[in-house]
C-alpha cells in the first residue's frame, strides 16, 4: 500500500524538488550579486581615510557573503 502511495505522490514530490532547487539557485545568485556590490561599495568608500572605518567592514561582509553563496553546500531539502 505504501509503495502505491509513493507512486501516486511522485509527481508532486518531483515538482516540489524542482521548485526548491530553483529557489536555492536564485537565492545564491542574489547573494553573490549583493556580495559583489558590498565589496565594490566598500572599496569606493575606503578611498578616503575616514571612510575606511565603514568601508573595510563592508568589504569583509561582502567577501563573506560571496564565499557563502559560491560554496557548493546545500543546507536543506535532501
C-alpha atoms as a PDB file:
ATOM      1  CA  UNK A   1       0.000   0.000   0.000  1.00  0.00           C
ATOM      2  CA  UNK A   2       2.854   2.386   0.836  1.00  0.00           C
ATOM      3  CA  UNK A   3       4.593   1.832  -2.500  1.00  0.00           C
ATOM      4  CA  UNK A   4       1.323   2.575  -4.320  1.00  0.00           C
ATOM      5  CA  UNK A   5       1.042   5.831  -2.388  1.00  0.00           C
ATOM      6  CA  UNK A   6       4.645   6.719  -3.305  1.00  0.00           C
ATOM      7  CA  UNK A   7       3.832   6.162  -6.973  1.00  0.00           C
ATOM      8  CA  UNK A   8       0.805   8.446  -6.727  1.00  0.00           C
ATOM      9  CA  UNK A   9       2.699  11.205  -4.910  1.00  0.00           C
ATOM     10  CA  UNK A  10       5.835  11.050  -7.081  1.00  0.00           C
ATOM     11  CA  UNK A  11       4.809  13.885  -9.480  1.00  0.00           C
ATOM     12  CA  UNK A  12       4.120  16.230  -6.562  1.00  0.00           C
ATOM     13  CA  UNK A  13       7.445  15.392  -4.916  1.00  0.00           C
ATOM     14  CA  UNK A  14       9.275  15.956  -8.206  1.00  0.00           C
ATOM     15  CA  UNK A  15       7.631  19.356  -8.726  1.00  0.00           C
ATOM     16  CA  UNK A  16       8.431  20.447  -5.167  1.00  0.00           C
ATOM     17  CA  UNK A  17      12.067  19.362  -5.526  1.00  0.00           C
ATOM     18  CA  UNK A  18      12.321  21.364  -8.764  1.00  0.00           C
ATOM     19  CA  UNK A  19      10.814  24.450  -7.106  1.00  0.00           C
ATOM     20  CA  UNK A  20      13.194  24.202  -4.127  1.00  0.00           C
ATOM     21  CA  UNK A  21      16.158  23.780  -6.496  1.00  0.00           C
ATOM     22  CA  UNK A  22      15.190  26.893  -8.487  1.00  0.00           C
ATOM     23  CA  UNK A  23      14.665  28.933  -5.318  1.00  0.00           C
ATOM     24  CA  UNK A  24      18.070  27.882  -3.963  1.00  0.00           C
ATOM     25  CA  UNK A  25      19.794  28.851  -7.232  1.00  0.00           C
ATOM     26  CA  UNK A  26      18.071  32.237  -7.361  1.00  0.00           C
ATOM     27  CA  UNK A  27      18.889  32.856  -3.712  1.00  0.00           C
ATOM     28  CA  UNK A  28      22.553  32.006  -4.228  1.00  0.00           C
ATOM     29  CA  UNK A  29      22.719  34.259  -7.299  1.00  0.00           C
ATOM     30  CA  UNK A  30      21.148  37.194  -5.453  1.00  0.00           C
ATOM     31  CA  UNK A  31      23.518  36.666  -2.507  1.00  0.00           C
ATOM     32  CA  UNK A  32      26.511  36.664  -4.866  1.00  0.00           C
ATOM     33  CA  UNK A  33      25.360  39.892  -6.538  1.00  0.00           C
ATOM     34  CA  UNK A  34      24.794  41.586  -3.175  1.00  0.00           C
ATOM     35  CA  UNK A  35      28.236  40.398  -2.008  1.00  0.00           C
ATOM     36  CA  UNK A  36      29.898  41.879  -5.080  1.00  0.00           C
ATOM     37  CA  UNK A  37      28.027  45.161  -4.605  1.00  0.00           C
ATOM     38  CA  UNK A  38      29.090  45.351  -0.961  1.00  0.00           C
ATOM     39  CA  UNK A  39      32.718  44.773  -1.954  1.00  0.00           C
ATOM     40  CA  UNK A  40      32.502  47.480  -4.622  1.00  0.00           C
ATOM     41  CA  UNK A  41      30.849  49.998  -2.285  1.00  0.00           C
ATOM     42  CA  UNK A  42      33.354  49.153   0.452  1.00  0.00           C
ATOM     43  CA  UNK A  43      36.297  49.779  -1.866  1.00  0.00           C
ATOM     44  CA  UNK A  44      34.817  53.086  -3.069  1.00  0.00           C
ATOM     45  CA  UNK A  45      34.089  54.257   0.474  1.00  0.00           C
ATOM     46  CA  UNK A  46      37.556  53.163   1.655  1.00  0.00           C
ATOM     47  CA  UNK A  47      39.287  55.533  -0.740  1.00  0.00           C
ATOM     48  CA  UNK A  48      39.112  58.171   1.980  1.00  0.00           C
ATOM     49  CA  UNK A  49      40.752  57.692   5.373  1.00  0.00           C
ATOM     50  CA  UNK A  50      37.562  58.429   7.300  1.00  0.00           C
ATOM     51  CA  UNK A  51      35.528  56.141   5.017  1.00  0.00           C
ATOM     52  CA  UNK A  52      37.823  53.205   5.763  1.00  0.00           C
ATOM     53  CA  UNK A  53      36.101  52.831   9.127  1.00  0.00           C
ATOM     54  CA  UNK A  54      32.898  51.904   7.273  1.00  0.00           C
ATOM     55  CA  UNK A  55      34.421  50.545   4.070  1.00  0.00           C
ATOM     56  CA  UNK A  56      36.582  47.771   5.485  1.00  0.00           C
ATOM     57  CA  UNK A  57      33.701  46.070   7.346  1.00  0.00           C
ATOM     58  CA  UNK A  58      31.617  46.357   4.154  1.00  0.00           C
ATOM     59  CA  UNK A  59      34.365  44.599   2.217  1.00  0.00           C
ATOM     60  CA  UNK A  60      34.607  41.842   4.839  1.00  0.00           C
ATOM     61  CA  UNK A  61      30.826  41.276   4.860  1.00  0.00           C
ATOM     62  CA  UNK A  62      30.762  41.285   1.054  1.00  0.00           C
ATOM     63  CA  UNK A  63      33.553  38.709   0.809  1.00  0.00           C
ATOM     64  CA  UNK A  64      31.863  36.520   3.407  1.00  0.00           C
ATOM     65  CA  UNK A  65      28.532  36.680   1.577  1.00  0.00           C
ATOM     66  CA  UNK A  66      30.169  35.971  -1.777  1.00  0.00           C
ATOM     67  CA  UNK A  67      32.100  32.964  -0.461  1.00  0.00           C
ATOM     68  CA  UNK A  68      28.985  31.591   1.242  1.00  0.00           C
ATOM     69  CA  UNK A  69      26.925  31.929  -1.923  1.00  0.00           C
ATOM     70  CA  UNK A  70      29.575  30.258  -4.084  1.00  0.00           C
ATOM     71  CA  UNK A  71      30.109  27.284  -1.792  1.00  0.00           C
ATOM     72  CA  UNK A  72      28.520  24.132  -3.117  1.00  0.00           C
ATOM     73  CA  UNK A  73      26.873  23.034   0.120  1.00  0.00           C
ATOM     74  CA  UNK A  74      23.110  22.777   0.410  1.00  0.00           C
ATOM     75  CA  UNK A  75      21.603  23.391   3.817  1.00  0.00           C
ATOM     76  CA  UNK A  76      18.111  21.969   3.386  1.00  0.00           C
ATOM     77  CA  UNK A  77      15.849  19.778   1.314  1.00  0.00           C
ATOM     78  CA  UNK A  78      17.728  16.487   0.946  1.00  0.00           C
END
